[in-house]
């Protein structure tokens, strides 16, 4: 993700998210801020962040940012039965259909699923075998939790389970282990 990608998003995509009637966890995000400041907070903890942009072509062939991603590399895996590193999906945001249509983009398949696939592929490329974890923000409501459960088919960390980091388990943590990551990645192989 370049600073130009973040600026384009904040100028052309974010206003539609802000005005959306949907429960969106990303309603007040600024990718300029997320991209610059949040990786520094992980750097002091000796962790690296990976900032990526997913582009889609509009009718004129221009590359339009359709999804934004900020991952923490080599984070403790949320499935504490395995003491292995994973990629933490820290922030992801998908453009609304209306924003993409206004930019002359034919609406793609589920960008949320593409965000999860991007995390899995990043994990594979970072030698963490597809393992990912994420926290489902409360601001996304039950709709976001249902999305991760039913559409993305991620495993939910049971509310009684302990987490590998010092934070309270509110029952909104999800993960993919190696086996699930392989299955989910294969679903998108025809699009690669």
C-alpha atoms as a PDB file:
ATOM      1  CA  UNK A   1       0.000   0.000   0.000  1.00  0.00           C
ATOM      2  CA  UNK A   2       1.417   3.335  -1.026  1.00  0.00           C
ATOM      3  CA  UNK A   3       0.566   6.695   0.464  1.00  0.00           C
ATOM      4  CA  UNK A   4      -1.243   7.438  -2.810  1.00  0.00           C
ATOM      5  CA  UNK A   5      -3.462   4.388  -2.292  1.00  0.00           C
ATOM      6  CA  UNK A   6      -4.324   5.537   1.228  1.00  0.00           C
ATOM      7  CA  UNK A   7      -5.007   9.108   0.048  1.00  0.00           C
ATOM      8  CA  UNK A   8      -7.227   7.872  -2.809  1.00  0.00           C
ATOM      9  CA  UNK A   9      -9.160   5.682  -0.366  1.00  0.00           C
ATOM     10  CA  UNK A  10      -9.657   8.471   2.154  1.00  0.00           C
ATOM     11  CA  UNK A  11     -10.825  10.850  -0.584  1.00  0.00           C
ATOM     12  CA  UNK A  12     -12.969   8.595  -2.800  1.00  0.00           C
ATOM     13  CA  UNK A  13     -13.985   5.475  -0.827  1.00  0.00           C
ATOM     14  CA  UNK A  14     -14.115   6.481   2.837  1.00  0.00           C
ATOM     15  CA  UNK A  15     -16.862   9.140   2.476  1.00  0.00           C
ATOM     16  CA  UNK A  16     -19.280   6.450   1.262  1.00  0.00           C
ATOM     17  CA  UNK A  17     -18.348   4.206   4.187  1.00  0.00           C
ATOM     18  CA  UNK A  18     -18.900   7.095   6.598  1.00  0.00           C
ATOM     19  CA  UNK A  19     -22.390   7.733   5.195  1.00  0.00           C
ATOM     20  CA  UNK A  20     -23.324   4.043   4.963  1.00  0.00           C
ATOM     21  CA  UNK A  21     -26.368   2.831   6.857  1.00  0.00           C
ATOM     22  CA  UNK A  22     -24.658  -0.498   7.492  1.00  0.00           C
ATOM     23  CA  UNK A  23     -22.905  -1.329  10.759  1.00  0.00           C
ATOM     24  CA  UNK A  24     -19.308  -0.857   9.648  1.00  0.00           C
ATOM     25  CA  UNK A  25     -16.328  -1.118  11.956  1.00  0.00           C
ATOM     26  CA  UNK A  26     -14.320   0.994   9.490  1.00  0.00           C
ATOM     27  CA  UNK A  27     -16.728   3.956   9.497  1.00  0.00           C
ATOM     28  CA  UNK A  28     -14.240   6.440  11.021  1.00  0.00           C
ATOM     29  CA  UNK A  29     -10.949   5.009   9.788  1.00  0.00           C
ATOM     30  CA  UNK A  30      -8.349   6.999   7.910  1.00  0.00           C
ATOM     31  CA  UNK A  31      -5.973   4.796   5.954  1.00  0.00           C
ATOM     32  CA  UNK A  32      -3.426   7.604   5.880  1.00  0.00           C
ATOM     33  CA  UNK A  33      -3.278   7.368   9.681  1.00  0.00           C
ATOM     34  CA  UNK A  34      -3.508   3.567   9.891  1.00  0.00           C
ATOM     35  CA  UNK A  35      -0.758   3.072   7.312  1.00  0.00           C
ATOM     36  CA  UNK A  36       1.695   5.460   8.957  1.00  0.00           C
ATOM     37  CA  UNK A  37       1.091   5.336  12.701  1.00  0.00           C
ATOM     38  CA  UNK A  38      -0.043   1.821  13.544  1.00  0.00           C
ATOM     39  CA  UNK A  39       2.994  -0.020  12.100  1.00  0.00           C
ATOM     40  CA  UNK A  40       5.172   2.132  14.375  1.00  0.00           C
ATOM     41  CA  UNK A  41       3.230   0.877  17.403  1.00  0.00           C
ATOM     42  CA  UNK A  42       4.133  -2.687  16.415  1.00  0.00           C
ATOM     43  CA  UNK A  43       7.729  -1.825  15.537  1.00  0.00           C
ATOM     44  CA  UNK A  44       8.361  -0.894  19.195  1.00  0.00           C
ATOM     45  CA  UNK A  45       7.108  -4.417  20.047  1.00  0.00           C
ATOM     46  CA  UNK A  46       9.552  -5.907  17.563  1.00  0.00           C
ATOM     47  CA  UNK A  47       6.803  -6.864  15.120  1.00  0.00           C
ATOM     48  CA  UNK A  48       6.408  -5.932  11.468  1.00  0.00           C
ATOM     49  CA  UNK A  49       3.245  -4.867   9.691  1.00  0.00           C
ATOM     50  CA  UNK A  50       2.305  -5.551   6.105  1.00  0.00           C
ATOM     51  CA  UNK A  51       0.085  -2.962   4.385  1.00  0.00           C
ATOM     52  CA  UNK A  52      -1.530  -4.084   1.135  1.00  0.00           C
ATOM     53  CA  UNK A  53      -4.045  -2.736  -1.359  1.00  0.00           C
ATOM     54  CA  UNK A  54      -6.315  -4.875  -3.518  1.00  0.00           C
ATOM     55  CA  UNK A  55      -7.036  -3.227  -6.851  1.00  0.00           C
ATOM     56  CA  UNK A  56      -9.796  -3.812  -9.349  1.00  0.00           C
ATOM     57  CA  UNK A  57      -9.974  -2.445 -12.881  1.00  0.00           C
ATOM     58  CA  UNK A  58     -12.717  -0.037 -13.829  1.00  0.00           C
ATOM     59  CA  UNK A  59     -14.206   0.054 -17.336  1.00  0.00           C
ATOM     60  CA  UNK A  60     -11.391   2.334 -18.555  1.00  0.00           C
ATOM     61  CA  UNK A  61      -8.776  -0.114 -17.266  1.00  0.00           C
ATOM     62  CA  UNK A  62      -7.662   2.080 -14.359  1.00  0.00           C
ATOM     63  CA  UNK A  63      -6.585   0.318 -11.151  1.00  0.00           C
ATOM     64  CA  UNK A  64      -9.004   1.323  -8.389  1.00  0.00           C
ATOM     65  CA  UNK A  65      -8.335   0.449  -4.721  1.00  0.00           C
ATOM     66  CA  UNK A  66     -11.131  -1.948  -3.737  1.00  0.00           C
ATOM     67  CA  UNK A  67      -9.833  -3.235  -0.390  1.00  0.00           C
ATOM     68  CA  UNK A  68      -7.216  -2.202   2.134  1.00  0.00           C
ATOM     69  CA  UNK A  69      -5.307  -4.481   4.516  1.00  0.00           C
ATOM     70  CA  UNK A  70      -3.013  -4.036   7.494  1.00  0.00           C
ATOM     71  CA  UNK A  71      -1.592  -7.278   8.892  1.00  0.00           C
ATOM     72  CA  UNK A  72       0.782  -7.990  11.745  1.00  0.00           C
ATOM     73  CA  UNK A  73       3.395 -10.518  10.664  1.00  0.00           C
ATOM     74  CA  UNK A  74       4.354 -13.445  12.920  1.00  0.00           C
ATOM     75  CA  UNK A  75       1.744 -12.802  15.621  1.00  0.00           C
ATOM     76  CA  UNK A  76       0.944 -15.535  18.160  1.00  0.00           C
ATOM     77  CA  UNK A  77      -1.623 -17.925  16.666  1.00  0.00           C
ATOM     78  CA  UNK A  78      -5.045 -17.539  18.287  1.00  0.00           C
ATOM     79  CA  UNK A  79      -5.422 -21.320  18.445  1.00  0.00           C
ATOM     80  CA  UNK A  80      -3.335 -21.709  21.591  1.00  0.00           C
ATOM     81  CA  UNK A  81      -3.258 -25.490  21.186  1.00  0.00           C
ATOM     82  CA  UNK A  82      -0.492 -24.740  18.687  1.00  0.00           C
ATOM     83  CA  UNK A  83       2.431 -22.585  19.732  1.00  0.00           C
ATOM     84  CA  UNK A  84       3.054 -21.264  16.220  1.00  0.00           C
ATOM     85  CA  UNK A  85       3.127 -17.838  14.576  1.00  0.00           C
ATOM     86  CA  UNK A  86       0.321 -16.562  12.378  1.00  0.00           C
ATOM     87  CA  UNK A  87      -0.663 -13.408  10.536  1.00  0.00           C
ATOM     88  CA  UNK A  88      -3.037 -11.174  12.474  1.00  0.00           C
ATOM     89  CA  UNK A  89      -5.602  -9.412  10.325  1.00  0.00           C
ATOM     90  CA  UNK A  90      -5.437  -6.120  12.184  1.00  0.00           C
ATOM     91  CA  UNK A  91      -7.412  -3.813   9.888  1.00  0.00           C
ATOM     92  CA  UNK A  92      -9.259  -4.622   6.667  1.00  0.00           C
ATOM     93  CA  UNK A  93     -11.737  -2.545   4.736  1.00  0.00           C
ATOM     94  CA  UNK A  94     -13.665  -3.247   1.562  1.00  0.00           C
ATOM     95  CA  UNK A  95     -15.093  -0.564  -0.692  1.00  0.00           C
ATOM     96  CA  UNK A  96     -18.855  -0.371  -0.898  1.00  0.00           C
ATOM     97  CA  UNK A  97     -20.606  -1.359  -4.103  1.00  0.00           C
ATOM     98  CA  UNK A  98     -21.859   2.232  -4.468  1.00  0.00           C
ATOM     99  CA  UNK A  99     -18.330   3.667  -4.215  1.00  0.00           C
ATOM    100  CA  UNK A 100     -17.045   1.239  -6.838  1.00  0.00           C
ATOM    101  CA  UNK A 101     -19.968   1.910  -9.164  1.00  0.00           C
ATOM    102  CA  UNK A 102     -19.294   5.660  -8.867  1.00  0.00           C
ATOM    103  CA  UNK A 103     -15.709   4.934  -9.991  1.00  0.00           C
ATOM    104  CA  UNK A 104     -17.051   2.944 -12.987  1.00  0.00           C
ATOM    105  CA  UNK A 105     -16.129  -0.471 -11.564  1.00  0.00           C
ATOM    106  CA  UNK A 106     -18.218  -3.532 -12.246  1.00  0.00           C
ATOM    107  CA  UNK A 107     -18.948  -4.830  -8.758  1.00  0.00           C
ATOM    108  CA  UNK A 108     -16.669  -7.787  -7.876  1.00  0.00           C
ATOM    109  CA  UNK A 109     -17.457 -10.882  -5.807  1.00  0.00           C
ATOM    110  CA  UNK A 110     -17.402 -10.572  -2.029  1.00  0.00           C
ATOM    111  CA  UNK A 111     -14.530  -8.243  -1.217  1.00  0.00           C
ATOM    112  CA  UNK A 112     -14.705  -9.368   2.410  1.00  0.00           C
ATOM    113  CA  UNK A 113     -13.859 -12.912   1.339  1.00  0.00           C
ATOM    114  CA  UNK A 114     -11.099 -11.525  -0.875  1.00  0.00           C
ATOM    115  CA  UNK A 115      -9.669  -9.735   2.192  1.00  0.00           C
ATOM    116  CA  UNK A 116      -9.547 -13.039   4.089  1.00  0.00           C
ATOM    117  CA  UNK A 117      -7.982 -14.783   1.083  1.00  0.00           C
ATOM    118  CA  UNK A 118      -5.366 -12.021   0.898  1.00  0.00           C
ATOM    119  CA  UNK A 119      -4.484 -12.646   4.548  1.00  0.00           C
ATOM    120  CA  UNK A 120      -4.193 -16.400   3.982  1.00  0.00           C
ATOM    121  CA  UNK A 121      -1.949 -15.937   0.937  1.00  0.00           C
ATOM    122  CA  UNK A 122       0.168 -13.396   2.842  1.00  0.00           C
ATOM    123  CA  UNK A 123       0.515 -15.920   5.661  1.00  0.00           C
ATOM    124  CA  UNK A 124       1.606 -18.598   3.211  1.00  0.00           C
ATOM    125  CA  UNK A 125       4.151 -16.237   1.650  1.00  0.00           C
ATOM    126  CA  UNK A 126       5.446 -15.280   5.105  1.00  0.00           C
ATOM    127  CA  UNK A 127       6.082 -18.966   5.957  1.00  0.00           C
ATOM    128  CA  UNK A 128       3.257 -19.182   8.530  1.00  0.00           C
ATOM    129  CA  UNK A 129       1.392 -21.821   6.486  1.00  0.00           C
ATOM    130  CA  UNK A 130      -1.848 -19.886   6.011  1.00  0.00           C
ATOM    131  CA  UNK A 131      -2.534 -19.440   9.715  1.00  0.00           C
ATOM    132  CA  UNK A 132      -4.431 -16.224  10.376  1.00  0.00           C
ATOM    133  CA  UNK A 133      -6.321 -14.662  13.233  1.00  0.00           C
ATOM    134  CA  UNK A 134      -8.551 -11.647  13.662  1.00  0.00           C
ATOM    135  CA  UNK A 135     -10.810  -9.864  16.093  1.00  0.00           C
ATOM    136  CA  UNK A 136     -14.302  -9.098  14.848  1.00  0.00           C
ATOM    137  CA  UNK A 137     -14.889  -5.482  15.902  1.00  0.00           C
ATOM    138  CA  UNK A 138     -18.033  -4.887  17.963  1.00  0.00           C
ATOM    139  CA  UNK A 139     -18.865  -1.919  15.739  1.00  0.00           C
ATOM    140  CA  UNK A 140     -19.575  -4.426  12.955  1.00  0.00           C
ATOM    141  CA  UNK A 141     -22.364  -5.943  15.034  1.00  0.00           C
ATOM    142  CA  UNK A 142     -23.711  -9.457  14.657  1.00  0.00           C
ATOM    143  CA  UNK A 143     -23.679  -9.058  10.865  1.00  0.00           C
ATOM    144  CA  UNK A 144     -19.872  -8.963  10.794  1.00  0.00           C
ATOM    145  CA  UNK A 145     -19.597 -11.880  13.213  1.00  0.00           C
ATOM    146  CA  UNK A 146     -22.017 -13.893  11.062  1.00  0.00           C
ATOM    147  CA  UNK A 147     -19.994 -12.964   7.979  1.00  0.00           C
ATOM    148  CA  UNK A 148     -16.783 -14.382   9.461  1.00  0.00           C
ATOM    149  CA  UNK A 149     -18.626 -17.479  10.680  1.00  0.00           C
ATOM    150  CA  UNK A 150     -20.853 -18.375   7.734  1.00  0.00           C
ATOM    151  CA  UNK A 151     -19.417 -16.680   4.642  1.00  0.00           C
ATOM    152  CA  UNK A 152     -15.697 -16.840   5.466  1.00  0.00           C
ATOM    153  CA  UNK A 153     -16.106 -20.128   7.398  1.00  0.00           C
ATOM    154  CA  UNK A 154     -13.438 -19.180   9.952  1.00  0.00           C
ATOM    155  CA  UNK A 155     -13.179 -20.951  13.298  1.00  0.00           C
ATOM    156  CA  UNK A 156     -14.419 -18.923  16.270  1.00  0.00           C
ATOM    157  CA  UNK A 157     -12.251 -19.069  19.402  1.00  0.00           C
ATOM    158  CA  UNK A 158     -14.595 -20.312  22.165  1.00  0.00           C
ATOM    159  CA  UNK A 159     -15.318 -17.587  24.695  1.00  0.00           C
ATOM    160  CA  UNK A 160     -13.980 -19.779  27.512  1.00  0.00           C
ATOM    161  CA  UNK A 161     -10.643 -20.301  25.720  1.00  0.00           C
ATOM    162  CA  UNK A 162      -7.600 -18.327  26.719  1.00  0.00           C
ATOM    163  CA  UNK A 163      -5.838 -16.128  24.188  1.00  0.00           C
ATOM    164  CA  UNK A 164      -2.074 -16.013  23.533  1.00  0.00           C
ATOM    165  CA  UNK A 165      -1.978 -12.285  24.309  1.00  0.00           C
ATOM    166  CA  UNK A 166      -3.125 -10.253  27.283  1.00  0.00           C
ATOM    167  CA  UNK A 167      -6.620  -9.314  26.247  1.00  0.00           C
ATOM    168  CA  UNK A 168     -10.077 -10.420  27.269  1.00  0.00           C
ATOM    169  CA  UNK A 169     -11.757 -13.014  25.069  1.00  0.00           C
ATOM    170  CA  UNK A 170     -15.122 -11.529  24.133  1.00  0.00           C
ATOM    171  CA  UNK A 171     -16.071 -14.425  21.844  1.00  0.00           C
ATOM    172  CA  UNK A 172     -15.338 -12.396  18.711  1.00  0.00           C
ATOM    173  CA  UNK A 173     -11.921 -13.859  17.822  1.00  0.00           C
ATOM    174  CA  UNK A 174     -11.592 -15.969  14.688  1.00  0.00           C
ATOM    175  CA  UNK A 175      -8.804 -17.963  13.107  1.00  0.00           C
ATOM    176  CA  UNK A 176      -7.835 -20.310  10.322  1.00  0.00           C
ATOM    177  CA  UNK A 177      -5.378 -23.130  10.937  1.00  0.00           C
ATOM    178  CA  UNK A 178      -3.296 -24.727   8.182  1.00  0.00           C
ATOM    179  CA  UNK A 179      -6.006 -27.196   7.114  1.00  0.00           C
ATOM    180  CA  UNK A 180      -8.766 -24.608   6.893  1.00  0.00           C
ATOM    181  CA  UNK A 181      -6.470 -22.108   5.169  1.00  0.00           C
ATOM    182  CA  UNK A 182      -5.670 -24.682   2.481  1.00  0.00           C
ATOM    183  CA  UNK A 183      -9.375 -25.310   1.820  1.00  0.00           C
ATOM    184  CA  UNK A 184     -10.239 -21.599   1.745  1.00  0.00           C
ATOM    185  CA  UNK A 185      -7.316 -20.791  -0.551  1.00  0.00           C
ATOM    186  CA  UNK A 186      -8.354 -23.528  -2.983  1.00  0.00           C
ATOM    187  CA  UNK A 187     -11.778 -21.868  -3.300  1.00  0.00           C
ATOM    188  CA  UNK A 188     -10.075 -18.830  -4.835  1.00  0.00           C
ATOM    189  CA  UNK A 189      -7.498 -20.684  -6.953  1.00  0.00           C
ATOM    190  CA  UNK A 190      -9.609 -20.382 -10.131  1.00  0.00           C
ATOM    191  CA  UNK A 191      -9.466 -16.571  -9.769  1.00  0.00           C
ATOM    192  CA  UNK A 192      -5.670 -16.417  -9.520  1.00  0.00           C
END
